[in-house]
Amino acid sequence: MEKYRVEELKYFSDDEIISYLKKSWGYSPDESINVIGLLSGFDFGVDKHIYRLQNIELKNGNSIEYPIIDLDYSFSIFKRGVFVPPNFNRSMKDDVNYAGGLTVACTLILNDKKEREKRNNPCELKVDSESIVLFREMEDEYIIRSEDQRILIKDSIVQRHLRENRKLIEKEIKEINDERDSIINDTRIKKENGQKQIKICNYSVS
């Protein structure tokens, strides 16, 4: 398929750009650009996080890149990933920040025009935050089936999923242990206070 240069794409309407991307990546005109990727968080100062979707793949496992001949590499999907607006599930954010990343399915949409102009990329996308679902919640459309109907999942995806869950399980175990230690400590303090009260009473009686 013919690829365009940045200057040529600047004359495309938003609908034409989306149509161009879908055709380049094998989506039908009425499909959303649904992908699988690693949702990652990056710290930029106190209480400031930037989220990006990295290692992005189509449902068939192929990677994607902007179909632009002269795109600055620093703004490519391979180098930069895709921006994720922070208005997604709070508990998912906590898990991302703790585990270092979560494999998710989501929909890509055009970024705001001013952001595209800032980076000289008419095709720049962002994640539709409301579309994000954890990998384990994905439907059959994201699973590859062989001719004999066996389910096939790339080993790299399986291993990544195992690593993420291991970290989350470790987090839950730590929280349980911390709660247990807190209860034990509170019980010990109450017991010591009770013993002090008994001693005070004994002194008063004597």
N, C-alpha and C. Protein backbone atom coordinates (compact mmCIF):
# COMPACT_ATOMS: atom_id res chain seq x y z
N MET A 1 0.84 -1.20 0.00
CA MET A 1 0.00 0.00 0.00
C MET A 1 0.87 1.25 0.00
N GLU A 2 0.44 2.26 -0.74
CA GLU A 2 1.20 3.51 -0.84
C GLU A 2 1.27 4.21 0.52
N LYS A 3 2.46 4.71 0.86
CA LYS A 3 2.64 5.48 2.08
C LYS A 3 2.81 6.95 1.72
N TYR A 4 2.43 7.81 2.68
CA TYR A 4 2.49 9.25 2.44
C TYR A 4 3.53 9.91 3.33
N ARG A 5 3.87 11.13 2.95
CA ARG A 5 4.78 11.95 3.75
C ARG A 5 3.96 12.84 4.70
N VAL A 6 4.64 13.39 5.69
CA VAL A 6 3.98 14.23 6.69
C VAL A 6 3.23 15.38 6.03
N GLU A 7 3.88 16.08 5.13
CA GLU A 7 3.26 17.25 4.50
C GLU A 7 2.00 16.87 3.72
N GLU A 8 2.01 15.70 3.10
CA GLU A 8 0.84 15.25 2.34
C GLU A 8 -0.32 14.94 3.28
N LEU A 9 -0.02 14.33 4.40
CA LEU A 9 -1.06 13.92 5.35
C LEU A 9 -1.69 15.12 6.06
N LYS A 10 -1.01 16.24 6.07
CA LYS A 10 -1.57 17.43 6.72
C LYS A 10 -2.83 17.93 6.02
N TYR A 11 -3.00 17.53 4.78
CA TYR A 11 -4.18 17.95 4.02
C TYR A 11 -5.33 16.94 4.15
N PHE A 12 -5.11 15.84 4.88
CA PHE A 12 -6.15 14.84 5.10
C PHE A 12 -7.07 15.30 6.22
N SER A 13 -8.35 14.99 6.11
CA SER A 13 -9.27 15.22 7.23
C SER A 13 -9.05 14.12 8.26
N ASP A 14 -9.59 14.32 9.46
CA ASP A 14 -9.44 13.30 10.51
C ASP A 14 -10.02 11.96 10.06
N ASP A 15 -11.17 11.98 9.41
CA ASP A 15 -11.79 10.75 8.93
C ASP A 15 -10.91 10.06 7.89
N GLU A 16 -10.28 10.85 7.05
CA GLU A 16 -9.40 10.28 6.02
C GLU A 16 -8.15 9.66 6.64
N ILE A 17 -7.65 10.29 7.69
CA ILE A 17 -6.46 9.73 8.36
C ILE A 17 -6.80 8.40 9.02
N ILE A 18 -7.93 8.36 9.72
CA ILE A 18 -8.34 7.11 10.37
C ILE A 18 -8.55 6.02 9.32
N SER A 19 -9.17 6.37 8.22
CA SER A 19 -9.39 5.41 7.13
C SER A 19 -8.06 4.90 6.58
N TYR A 20 -7.09 5.80 6.44
CA TYR A 20 -5.76 5.45 5.94
C TYR A 20 -5.06 4.48 6.90
N LEU A 21 -5.15 4.77 8.20
CA LEU A 21 -4.53 3.90 9.20
C LEU A 21 -5.17 2.51 9.21
N LYS A 22 -6.49 2.47 9.17
CA LYS A 22 -7.19 1.18 9.18
C LYS A 22 -6.81 0.34 7.97
N LYS A 23 -6.76 0.97 6.82
CA LYS A 23 -6.41 0.24 5.60
C LYS A 23 -4.98 -0.25 5.66
N SER A 24 -4.08 0.56 6.21
CA SER A 24 -2.66 0.18 6.33
C SER A 24 -2.48 -0.99 7.26
N TRP A 25 -3.29 -1.07 8.31
CA TRP A 25 -3.13 -2.10 9.34
C TRP A 25 -4.10 -3.26 9.21
N GLY A 26 -4.89 -3.28 8.15
CA GLY A 26 -5.75 -4.43 7.90
C GLY A 26 -7.08 -4.43 8.63
N TYR A 27 -7.56 -3.26 9.01
CA TYR A 27 -8.87 -3.16 9.65
C TYR A 27 -9.91 -2.80 8.59
N SER A 28 -11.11 -3.29 8.78
CA SER A 28 -12.21 -2.91 7.89
C SER A 28 -12.68 -1.51 8.28
N PRO A 29 -13.34 -0.79 7.37
CA PRO A 29 -13.76 0.60 7.64
C PRO A 29 -14.64 0.76 8.87
N ASP A 30 -15.44 -0.25 9.20
CA ASP A 30 -16.36 -0.12 10.34
C ASP A 30 -15.77 -0.67 11.64
N GLU A 31 -14.52 -1.12 11.61
CA GLU A 31 -13.86 -1.64 12.81
C GLU A 31 -13.20 -0.51 13.59
N SER A 32 -13.15 -0.69 14.91
CA SER A 32 -12.32 0.18 15.73
C SER A 32 -10.89 -0.35 15.70
N ILE A 33 -9.92 0.51 15.99
CA ILE A 33 -8.52 0.06 16.01
C ILE A 33 -8.24 -0.54 17.38
N ASN A 34 -8.62 -1.79 17.55
CA ASN A 34 -8.42 -2.51 18.81
C ASN A 34 -7.05 -3.19 18.80
N VAL A 35 -6.30 -3.02 19.88
CA VAL A 35 -4.95 -3.56 19.96
C VAL A 35 -4.69 -4.17 21.34
N ILE A 36 -3.56 -4.84 21.44
CA ILE A 36 -3.07 -5.37 22.71
C ILE A 36 -1.72 -4.70 22.99
N GLY A 37 -1.45 -4.34 24.23
CA GLY A 37 -0.16 -3.71 24.53
C GLY A 37 0.12 -3.69 26.02
N LEU A 38 1.28 -3.18 26.36
CA LEU A 38 1.72 -3.09 27.76
C LEU A 38 1.44 -1.68 28.27
N LEU A 39 0.54 -1.57 29.23
CA LEU A 39 0.22 -0.29 29.85
C LEU A 39 1.27 0.00 30.91
N SER A 40 2.06 1.05 30.70
CA SER A 40 3.17 1.37 31.60
C SER A 40 3.02 2.78 32.16
N GLY A 41 3.57 2.98 33.36
CA GLY A 41 3.54 4.29 34.00
C GLY A 41 4.94 4.83 34.20
N PHE A 42 5.09 6.15 34.07
CA PHE A 42 6.40 6.79 34.25
C PHE A 42 6.24 7.96 35.20
N ASP A 43 7.18 8.10 36.13
CA ASP A 43 7.14 9.18 37.11
C ASP A 43 7.79 10.44 36.56
N PHE A 44 7.09 11.57 36.74
CA PHE A 44 7.63 12.87 36.37
C PHE A 44 7.39 13.83 37.54
N GLY A 45 8.18 13.68 38.58
CA GLY A 45 8.02 14.51 39.75
C GLY A 45 7.04 13.89 40.74
N VAL A 46 6.81 14.60 41.84
CA VAL A 46 5.95 14.11 42.91
C VAL A 46 4.50 14.03 42.45
N ASP A 47 3.89 12.84 42.60
CA ASP A 47 2.48 12.62 42.28
C ASP A 47 2.12 12.95 40.83
N LYS A 48 3.10 12.87 39.94
CA LYS A 48 2.81 13.11 38.53
C LYS A 48 3.26 11.90 37.72
N HIS A 49 2.30 11.26 37.09
CA HIS A 49 2.58 10.06 36.32
C HIS A 49 2.12 10.25 34.87
N ILE A 50 2.89 9.72 33.95
CA ILE A 50 2.51 9.68 32.54
C ILE A 50 2.33 8.22 32.17
N TYR A 51 1.24 7.91 31.49
CA TYR A 51 0.98 6.52 31.12
C TYR A 51 1.07 6.37 29.60
N ARG A 52 1.68 5.26 29.18
CA ARG A 52 1.82 4.97 27.76
C ARG A 52 1.54 3.50 27.48
N LEU A 53 1.08 3.24 26.26
CA LEU A 53 0.88 1.88 25.79
C LEU A 53 2.08 1.52 24.93
N GLN A 54 2.79 0.46 25.30
CA GLN A 54 3.99 0.05 24.58
C GLN A 54 3.86 -1.39 24.08
N ASN A 55 4.83 -1.80 23.27
CA ASN A 55 4.82 -3.17 22.72
C ASN A 55 3.47 -3.49 22.08
N ILE A 56 2.98 -2.58 21.28
CA ILE A 56 1.62 -2.69 20.75
C ILE A 56 1.54 -3.71 19.62
N GLU A 57 0.51 -4.55 19.68
CA GLU A 57 0.29 -5.57 18.67
C GLU A 57 -1.16 -5.58 18.21
N LEU A 58 -1.35 -5.96 16.95
CA LEU A 58 -2.70 -6.20 16.45
C LEU A 58 -3.21 -7.50 17.05
N LYS A 59 -4.47 -7.81 16.79
CA LYS A 59 -5.05 -9.03 17.34
C LYS A 59 -4.36 -10.28 16.79
N ASN A 60 -3.78 -10.17 15.59
CA ASN A 60 -3.10 -11.33 15.01
C ASN A 60 -1.64 -11.42 15.44
N GLY A 61 -1.21 -10.53 16.32
CA GLY A 61 0.15 -10.59 16.84
C GLY A 61 1.15 -9.72 16.12
N ASN A 62 0.76 -9.10 14.99
CA ASN A 62 1.68 -8.23 14.25
C ASN A 62 1.83 -6.89 14.98
N SER A 63 3.04 -6.33 14.92
CA SER A 63 3.26 -5.02 15.51
C SER A 63 2.79 -3.94 14.53
N ILE A 64 2.59 -2.72 15.02
CA ILE A 64 2.13 -1.64 14.15
C ILE A 64 3.06 -0.44 14.25
N GLU A 65 3.11 0.33 13.18
CA GLU A 65 3.87 1.57 13.16
C GLU A 65 3.15 2.55 12.24
N TYR A 66 3.31 3.83 12.51
CA TYR A 66 2.66 4.82 11.67
C TYR A 66 3.16 4.69 10.22
N PRO A 67 2.24 4.59 9.26
CA PRO A 67 2.65 4.44 7.86
C PRO A 67 3.01 5.79 7.23
N ILE A 68 4.10 6.37 7.73
CA ILE A 68 4.55 7.69 7.26
C ILE A 68 6.01 7.56 6.82
N ILE A 69 6.30 7.99 5.61
CA ILE A 69 7.63 7.81 5.05
C ILE A 69 8.70 8.55 5.83
N ASP A 70 8.44 9.81 6.17
CA ASP A 70 9.48 10.66 6.76
C ASP A 70 9.18 11.06 8.21
N LEU A 71 8.52 10.19 8.95
CA LEU A 71 8.21 10.49 10.35
C LEU A 71 9.48 10.49 11.19
N ASP A 72 9.60 11.49 12.07
CA ASP A 72 10.72 11.55 13.01
C ASP A 72 10.67 10.30 13.90
N TYR A 73 11.77 9.55 13.94
CA TYR A 73 11.80 8.28 14.68
C TYR A 73 11.44 8.46 16.16
N SER A 74 11.81 9.62 16.73
CA SER A 74 11.56 9.84 18.16
C SER A 74 10.06 9.90 18.47
N PHE A 75 9.23 10.07 17.44
CA PHE A 75 7.78 10.12 17.63
C PHE A 75 7.09 8.88 17.07
N SER A 76 7.85 7.85 16.80
CA SER A 76 7.28 6.61 16.27
C SER A 76 6.63 5.80 17.39
N ILE A 77 5.75 4.86 17.01
CA ILE A 77 5.13 3.98 18.00
C ILE A 77 6.19 3.10 18.64
N PHE A 78 7.14 2.63 17.85
CA PHE A 78 8.19 1.75 18.37
C PHE A 78 9.00 2.44 19.46
N LYS A 79 9.33 3.71 19.25
CA LYS A 79 10.17 4.45 20.19
C LYS A 79 9.35 5.03 21.35
N ARG A 80 8.19 5.60 21.04
CA ARG A 80 7.45 6.40 22.01
C ARG A 80 6.24 5.68 22.61
N GLY A 81 5.72 4.68 21.90
CA GLY A 81 4.47 4.08 22.34
C GLY A 81 3.32 5.02 22.02
N VAL A 82 2.20 4.85 22.70
CA VAL A 82 1.03 5.70 22.49
C VAL A 82 0.58 6.25 23.84
N PHE A 83 0.29 7.54 23.86
CA PHE A 83 -0.12 8.21 25.10
C PHE A 83 -1.45 7.66 25.62
N VAL A 84 -1.52 7.49 26.94
CA VAL A 84 -2.75 7.03 27.60
C VAL A 84 -3.24 8.13 28.55
N PRO A 85 -4.36 8.80 28.24
CA PRO A 85 -4.91 9.79 29.17
C PRO A 85 -5.16 9.14 30.54
N PRO A 86 -4.93 9.87 31.63
CA PRO A 86 -4.97 9.26 32.97
C PRO A 86 -6.35 8.97 33.53
N ASN A 87 -7.42 9.21 32.77
CA ASN A 87 -8.76 9.02 33.31
C ASN A 87 -9.26 7.59 33.15
N PHE A 88 -8.45 6.63 33.65
CA PHE A 88 -8.90 5.25 33.65
C PHE A 88 -8.94 4.72 35.08
N ASN A 89 -9.38 3.50 35.24
CA ASN A 89 -9.65 2.89 36.54
C ASN A 89 -8.52 3.12 37.55
N ARG A 90 -8.88 3.63 38.74
CA ARG A 90 -7.88 3.96 39.77
C ARG A 90 -7.14 2.72 40.26
N SER A 91 -7.87 1.64 40.50
CA SER A 91 -7.20 0.43 40.99
C SER A 91 -6.25 -0.12 39.95
N MET A 92 -6.58 0.05 38.65
CA MET A 92 -5.69 -0.39 37.58
C MET A 92 -4.42 0.45 37.58
N LYS A 93 -4.56 1.75 37.87
CA LYS A 93 -3.39 2.62 37.97
C LYS A 93 -2.45 2.13 39.07
N ASP A 94 -3.03 1.80 40.23
CA ASP A 94 -2.22 1.32 41.34
C ASP A 94 -1.47 0.05 40.95
N ASP A 95 -2.15 -0.84 40.23
CA ASP A 95 -1.52 -2.09 39.80
C ASP A 95 -0.42 -1.83 38.78
N VAL A 96 -0.64 -0.88 37.88
CA VAL A 96 0.37 -0.52 36.89
C VAL A 96 1.60 0.03 37.59
N ASN A 97 1.40 0.94 38.53
CA ASN A 97 2.51 1.57 39.24
C ASN A 97 3.28 0.56 40.06
N TYR A 98 2.59 -0.44 40.59
CA TYR A 98 3.26 -1.44 41.44
C TYR A 98 3.96 -2.49 40.59
N ALA A 99 3.23 -3.03 39.59
CA ALA A 99 3.76 -4.14 38.79
C ALA A 99 4.72 -3.68 37.70
N GLY A 100 4.71 -2.38 37.40
CA GLY A 100 5.58 -1.90 36.34
C GLY A 100 4.97 -2.01 34.96
N GLY A 101 3.74 -2.49 34.87
CA GLY A 101 3.08 -2.61 33.58
C GLY A 101 2.04 -3.72 33.59
N LEU A 102 0.99 -3.55 32.82
CA LEU A 102 -0.07 -4.55 32.70
C LEU A 102 -0.40 -4.75 31.22
N THR A 103 -0.60 -5.99 30.82
CA THR A 103 -1.03 -6.25 29.46
C THR A 103 -2.53 -5.99 29.36
N VAL A 104 -2.90 -5.14 28.42
CA VAL A 104 -4.30 -4.73 28.29
C VAL A 104 -4.74 -4.78 26.82
N ALA A 105 -6.05 -4.77 26.63
CA ALA A 105 -6.65 -4.58 25.31
C ALA A 105 -7.32 -3.22 25.34
N CYS A 106 -7.26 -2.49 24.24
CA CYS A 106 -7.86 -1.17 24.22
C CYS A 106 -8.06 -0.70 22.77
N THR A 107 -8.68 0.46 22.63
CA THR A 107 -8.94 1.05 21.32
C THR A 107 -8.09 2.31 21.14
N LEU A 108 -7.50 2.46 19.96
CA LEU A 108 -6.71 3.64 19.65
C LEU A 108 -7.56 4.64 18.86
N ILE A 109 -7.42 5.91 19.20
CA ILE A 109 -8.15 6.98 18.50
C ILE A 109 -7.16 8.10 18.18
N LEU A 110 -7.55 9.03 17.32
CA LEU A 110 -6.67 10.14 16.99
C LEU A 110 -6.41 11.03 18.20
N ASN A 111 -5.18 11.45 18.35
CA ASN A 111 -4.85 12.39 19.42
C ASN A 111 -5.41 13.77 19.06
N ASP A 112 -5.46 14.65 20.05
CA ASP A 112 -5.95 16.01 19.81
C ASP A 112 -5.10 16.69 18.73
N LYS A 113 -5.72 17.51 17.93
CA LYS A 113 -5.03 18.12 16.79
C LYS A 113 -3.80 18.92 17.20
N LYS A 114 -3.91 19.67 18.30
CA LYS A 114 -2.77 20.50 18.72
C LYS A 114 -1.57 19.63 19.10
N GLU A 115 -1.85 18.44 19.65
CA GLU A 115 -0.76 17.52 20.02
C GLU A 115 -0.12 16.93 18.77
N ARG A 116 -0.94 16.64 17.76
CA ARG A 116 -0.41 16.11 16.51
C ARG A 116 0.46 17.15 15.80
N GLU A 117 0.01 18.40 15.85
CA GLU A 117 0.77 19.47 15.21
C GLU A 117 2.08 19.73 15.96
N LYS A 118 2.04 19.62 17.28
CA LYS A 118 3.23 19.87 18.10
C LYS A 118 4.35 18.90 17.74
N ARG A 119 3.99 17.64 17.44
CA ARG A 119 4.99 16.62 17.12
C ARG A 119 5.09 16.35 15.61
N ASN A 120 4.42 17.20 14.83
CA ASN A 120 4.50 17.10 13.37
C ASN A 120 4.14 15.69 12.90
N ASN A 121 3.09 15.13 13.51
CA ASN A 121 2.62 13.79 13.14
C ASN A 121 1.10 13.81 13.00
N PRO A 122 0.60 13.97 11.76
CA PRO A 122 -0.85 14.04 11.54
C PRO A 122 -1.59 12.77 11.96
N CYS A 123 -0.87 11.65 12.07
CA CYS A 123 -1.51 10.37 12.38
C CYS A 123 -1.38 9.97 13.85
N GLU A 124 -0.81 10.82 14.69
CA GLU A 124 -0.56 10.42 16.07
C GLU A 124 -1.85 10.00 16.78
N LEU A 125 -1.76 8.88 17.47
CA LEU A 125 -2.91 8.31 18.16
C LEU A 125 -2.76 8.44 19.67
N LYS A 126 -3.84 8.20 20.37
CA LYS A 126 -3.83 8.06 21.82
C LYS A 126 -4.79 6.92 22.16
N VAL A 127 -4.73 6.45 23.38
CA VAL A 127 -5.61 5.38 23.82
C VAL A 127 -6.94 5.96 24.30
N ASP A 128 -8.02 5.34 23.91
CA ASP A 128 -9.32 5.68 24.48
C ASP A 128 -9.36 5.05 25.87
N SER A 129 -9.14 5.86 26.91
CA SER A 129 -8.98 5.33 28.28
C SER A 129 -10.18 4.50 28.74
N GLU A 130 -11.36 4.86 28.28
CA GLU A 130 -12.55 4.13 28.70
C GLU A 130 -12.64 2.75 28.08
N SER A 131 -11.81 2.47 27.09
CA SER A 131 -11.86 1.17 26.41
C SER A 131 -10.91 0.15 27.03
N ILE A 132 -10.07 0.57 27.98
CA ILE A 132 -9.02 -0.31 28.52
C ILE A 132 -9.61 -1.45 29.35
N VAL A 133 -9.21 -2.68 29.02
CA VAL A 133 -9.57 -3.85 29.83
C VAL A 133 -8.32 -4.67 30.05
N LEU A 134 -8.22 -5.31 31.20
CA LEU A 134 -7.08 -6.18 31.48
C LEU A 134 -7.06 -7.35 30.52
N PHE A 135 -5.90 -7.85 30.24
CA PHE A 135 -5.74 -8.95 29.28
C PHE A 135 -6.59 -10.16 29.66
N ARG A 136 -6.70 -10.45 30.95
CA ARG A 136 -7.46 -11.62 31.36
C ARG A 136 -8.96 -11.45 31.14
N GLU A 137 -9.40 -10.22 30.84
CA GLU A 137 -10.82 -9.98 30.60
C GLU A 137 -11.15 -9.94 29.11
N MET A 138 -10.16 -10.19 28.24
CA MET A 138 -10.40 -10.07 26.82
C MET A 138 -11.34 -11.14 26.28
N GLU A 139 -12.05 -10.80 25.24
CA GLU A 139 -12.98 -11.71 24.62
C GLU A 139 -12.28 -12.57 23.57
N ASP A 140 -13.01 -13.52 22.99
CA ASP A 140 -12.45 -14.45 22.03
C ASP A 140 -11.84 -13.80 20.81
N GLU A 141 -12.28 -12.59 20.49
CA GLU A 141 -11.78 -11.94 19.28
C GLU A 141 -10.29 -11.63 19.38
N TYR A 142 -9.74 -11.66 20.60
CA TYR A 142 -8.32 -11.38 20.77
C TYR A 142 -7.49 -12.66 20.84
N ILE A 143 -8.15 -13.81 20.69
CA ILE A 143 -7.46 -15.09 20.79
C ILE A 143 -7.36 -15.72 19.40
N ILE A 144 -6.19 -16.22 19.08
CA ILE A 144 -5.97 -16.88 17.79
C ILE A 144 -6.34 -18.35 17.92
N ARG A 145 -7.10 -18.87 16.96
CA ARG A 145 -7.49 -20.28 16.96
C ARG A 145 -6.88 -20.98 15.75
N SER A 146 -6.35 -22.18 15.97
CA SER A 146 -5.77 -22.95 14.88
C SER A 146 -6.89 -23.59 14.06
N GLU A 147 -6.52 -24.28 12.99
CA GLU A 147 -7.52 -24.91 12.13
C GLU A 147 -8.34 -25.96 12.87
N ASP A 148 -7.72 -26.62 13.85
CA ASP A 148 -8.47 -27.63 14.62
C ASP A 148 -9.09 -27.01 15.87
N GLN A 149 -9.23 -25.66 15.87
CA GLN A 149 -9.92 -24.91 16.92
C GLN A 149 -9.19 -24.87 18.26
N ARG A 150 -7.91 -25.22 18.26
CA ARG A 150 -7.13 -25.06 19.48
C ARG A 150 -6.82 -23.58 19.68
N ILE A 151 -6.83 -23.15 20.94
CA ILE A 151 -6.52 -21.75 21.26
C ILE A 151 -5.01 -21.56 21.29
N LEU A 152 -4.53 -20.54 20.55
CA LEU A 152 -3.11 -20.26 20.49
C LEU A 152 -2.84 -18.87 21.05
N ILE A 153 -1.94 -18.80 22.02
CA ILE A 153 -1.53 -17.52 22.59
C ILE A 153 -0.01 -17.48 22.57
N LYS A 154 0.54 -16.36 22.10
CA LYS A 154 1.98 -16.25 22.01
C LYS A 154 2.63 -16.46 23.39
N ASP A 155 3.73 -17.22 23.41
CA ASP A 155 4.40 -17.51 24.68
C ASP A 155 4.88 -16.24 25.36
N SER A 156 5.31 -15.25 24.58
CA SER A 156 5.78 -14.00 25.17
C SER A 156 4.67 -13.30 25.94
N ILE A 157 3.44 -13.39 25.43
CA ILE A 157 2.30 -12.78 26.10
C ILE A 157 1.98 -13.54 27.38
N VAL A 158 2.02 -14.87 27.31
CA VAL A 158 1.75 -15.70 28.48
C VAL A 158 2.76 -15.40 29.59
N GLN A 159 4.05 -15.36 29.23
CA GLN A 159 5.09 -15.10 30.22
C GLN A 159 4.95 -13.72 30.83
N ARG A 160 4.60 -12.73 30.01
CA ARG A 160 4.41 -11.38 30.52
C ARG A 160 3.24 -11.35 31.51
N HIS A 161 2.17 -12.06 31.16
CA HIS A 161 0.99 -12.11 32.02
C HIS A 161 1.33 -12.78 33.36
N LEU A 162 2.14 -13.84 33.31
CA LEU A 162 2.54 -14.52 34.54
C LEU A 162 3.38 -13.60 35.42
N ARG A 163 4.28 -12.85 34.81
CA ARG A 163 5.12 -11.92 35.59
C ARG A 163 4.27 -10.86 36.27
N GLU A 164 3.30 -10.33 35.54
CA GLU A 164 2.44 -9.28 36.10
C GLU A 164 1.64 -9.82 37.28
N ASN A 165 1.04 -11.01 37.09
CA ASN A 165 0.22 -11.58 38.16
C ASN A 165 1.06 -11.94 39.37
N ARG A 166 2.30 -12.38 39.15
CA ARG A 166 3.17 -12.72 40.26
C ARG A 166 3.42 -11.49 41.13
N LYS A 167 3.66 -10.37 40.49
CA LYS A 167 3.90 -9.13 41.23
C LYS A 167 2.65 -8.69 41.99
N LEU A 168 1.49 -8.85 41.35
CA LEU A 168 0.25 -8.44 42.02
C LEU A 168 -0.06 -9.35 43.20
N ILE A 169 0.23 -10.65 43.04
CA ILE A 169 0.02 -11.60 44.14
C ILE A 169 0.96 -11.26 45.30
N GLU A 170 2.22 -10.94 44.96
CA GLU A 170 3.17 -10.54 46.00
C GLU A 170 2.69 -9.30 46.74
N LYS A 171 2.08 -8.37 45.99
CA LYS A 171 1.54 -7.15 46.59
C LYS A 171 0.42 -7.50 47.57
N GLU A 172 -0.48 -8.40 47.16
CA GLU A 172 -1.60 -8.78 48.03
C GLU A 172 -1.11 -9.50 49.27
N ILE A 173 -0.10 -10.36 49.11
CA ILE A 173 0.47 -11.08 50.25
C ILE A 173 1.10 -10.09 51.24
N LYS A 174 1.81 -9.11 50.71
CA LYS A 174 2.44 -8.09 51.57
C LYS A 174 1.37 -7.32 52.35
N GLU A 175 0.27 -6.95 51.67
CA GLU A 175 -0.81 -6.23 52.35
C GLU A 175 -1.42 -7.07 53.47
N ILE A 176 -1.61 -8.37 53.20
CA ILE A 176 -2.16 -9.28 54.21
C ILE A 176 -1.21 -9.38 55.39
N ASN A 177 0.09 -9.55 55.10
CA ASN A 177 1.09 -9.67 56.17
C ASN A 177 1.18 -8.38 57.00
N ASP A 178 1.10 -7.23 56.30
CA ASP A 178 1.15 -5.95 57.01
C ASP A 178 -0.06 -5.81 57.93
N GLU A 179 -1.22 -6.23 57.43
CA GLU A 179 -2.44 -6.15 58.25
C GLU A 179 -2.34 -7.08 59.46
N ARG A 180 -1.79 -8.29 59.22
CA ARG A 180 -1.60 -9.24 60.33
C ARG A 180 -0.66 -8.69 61.38
N ASP A 181 0.48 -8.12 60.91
CA ASP A 181 1.46 -7.55 61.83
C ASP A 181 0.86 -6.40 62.63
N SER A 182 0.00 -5.60 61.97
CA SER A 182 -0.65 -4.48 62.64
C SER A 182 -1.58 -4.99 63.74
N ILE A 183 -2.34 -6.05 63.44
CA ILE A 183 -3.26 -6.63 64.43
C ILE A 183 -2.47 -7.20 65.62
N ILE A 184 -1.38 -7.91 65.32
CA ILE A 184 -0.55 -8.49 66.37
C ILE A 184 0.04 -7.39 67.25
N ASN A 185 0.49 -6.32 66.61
CA ASN A 185 1.08 -5.20 67.35
C ASN A 185 0.04 -4.52 68.23
N ASP A 186 -1.16 -4.31 67.69
CA ASP A 186 -2.24 -3.68 68.46
C ASP A 186 -2.61 -4.56 69.66
N THR A 187 -2.67 -5.87 69.41
CA THR A 187 -3.00 -6.81 70.50
C THR A 187 -1.94 -6.77 71.59
N ARG A 188 -0.66 -6.72 71.18
CA ARG A 188 0.44 -6.67 72.14
C ARG A 188 0.37 -5.40 72.98
N ILE A 189 0.10 -4.26 72.31
CA ILE A 189 0.02 -2.99 73.02
C ILE A 189 -1.14 -3.00 74.02
N LYS A 190 -2.28 -3.53 73.60
CA LYS A 190 -3.44 -3.60 74.50
C LYS A 190 -3.14 -4.50 75.69
N LYS A 191 -2.42 -5.59 75.43
CA LYS A 191 -2.08 -6.53 76.50
C LYS A 191 -1.14 -5.85 77.50
N GLU A 192 -0.15 -5.13 76.96
CA GLU A 192 0.80 -4.44 77.84
C GLU A 192 0.10 -3.36 78.66
N ASN A 193 -0.82 -2.61 78.01
CA ASN A 193 -1.57 -1.58 78.72
C ASN A 193 -2.44 -2.20 79.81
N GLY A 194 -3.00 -3.38 79.50
CA GLY A 194 -3.83 -4.07 80.49
C GLY A 194 -3.02 -4.50 81.69
N GLN A 195 -1.81 -4.99 81.43
CA GLN A 195 -0.95 -5.41 82.53
C GLN A 195 -0.53 -4.22 83.39
N LYS A 196 -0.32 -3.05 82.73
CA LYS A 196 0.04 -1.84 83.47
C LYS A 196 -1.11 -1.42 84.38
N GLN A 197 -2.34 -1.54 83.86
CA GLN A 197 -3.51 -1.17 84.65
C GLN A 197 -3.64 -2.08 85.87
N ILE A 198 -3.34 -3.37 85.66
CA ILE A 198 -3.43 -4.33 86.79
C ILE A 198 -2.40 -3.95 87.86
N LYS A 199 -1.18 -3.60 87.43
CA LYS A 199 -0.14 -3.24 88.39
C LYS A 199 -0.54 -1.98 89.17
N ILE A 200 -1.14 -1.03 88.46
CA ILE A 200 -1.58 0.22 89.11
C ILE A 200 -2.64 -0.09 90.15
N CYS A 201 -3.56 -0.98 89.82
CA CYS A 201 -4.61 -1.37 90.75
C CYS A 201 -4.01 -2.05 91.98
N ASN A 202 -3.01 -2.92 91.77
CA ASN A 202 -2.37 -3.63 92.87
C ASN A 202 -1.67 -2.64 93.80
N TYR A 203 -1.00 -1.64 93.20
CA TYR A 203 -0.35 -0.64 94.01
C TYR A 203 -1.36 0.13 94.84
N SER A 204 -2.52 0.43 94.26
CA SER A 204 -3.55 1.20 94.95
C SER A 204 -4.10 0.42 96.12
N VAL A 205 -4.27 -0.88 95.94
CA VAL A 205 -4.84 -1.73 97.01
C VAL A 205 -3.86 -1.85 98.17
N SER A 206 -2.57 -2.02 97.82
CA SER A 206 -1.57 -2.15 98.87
C SER A 206 -1.33 -0.83 99.60
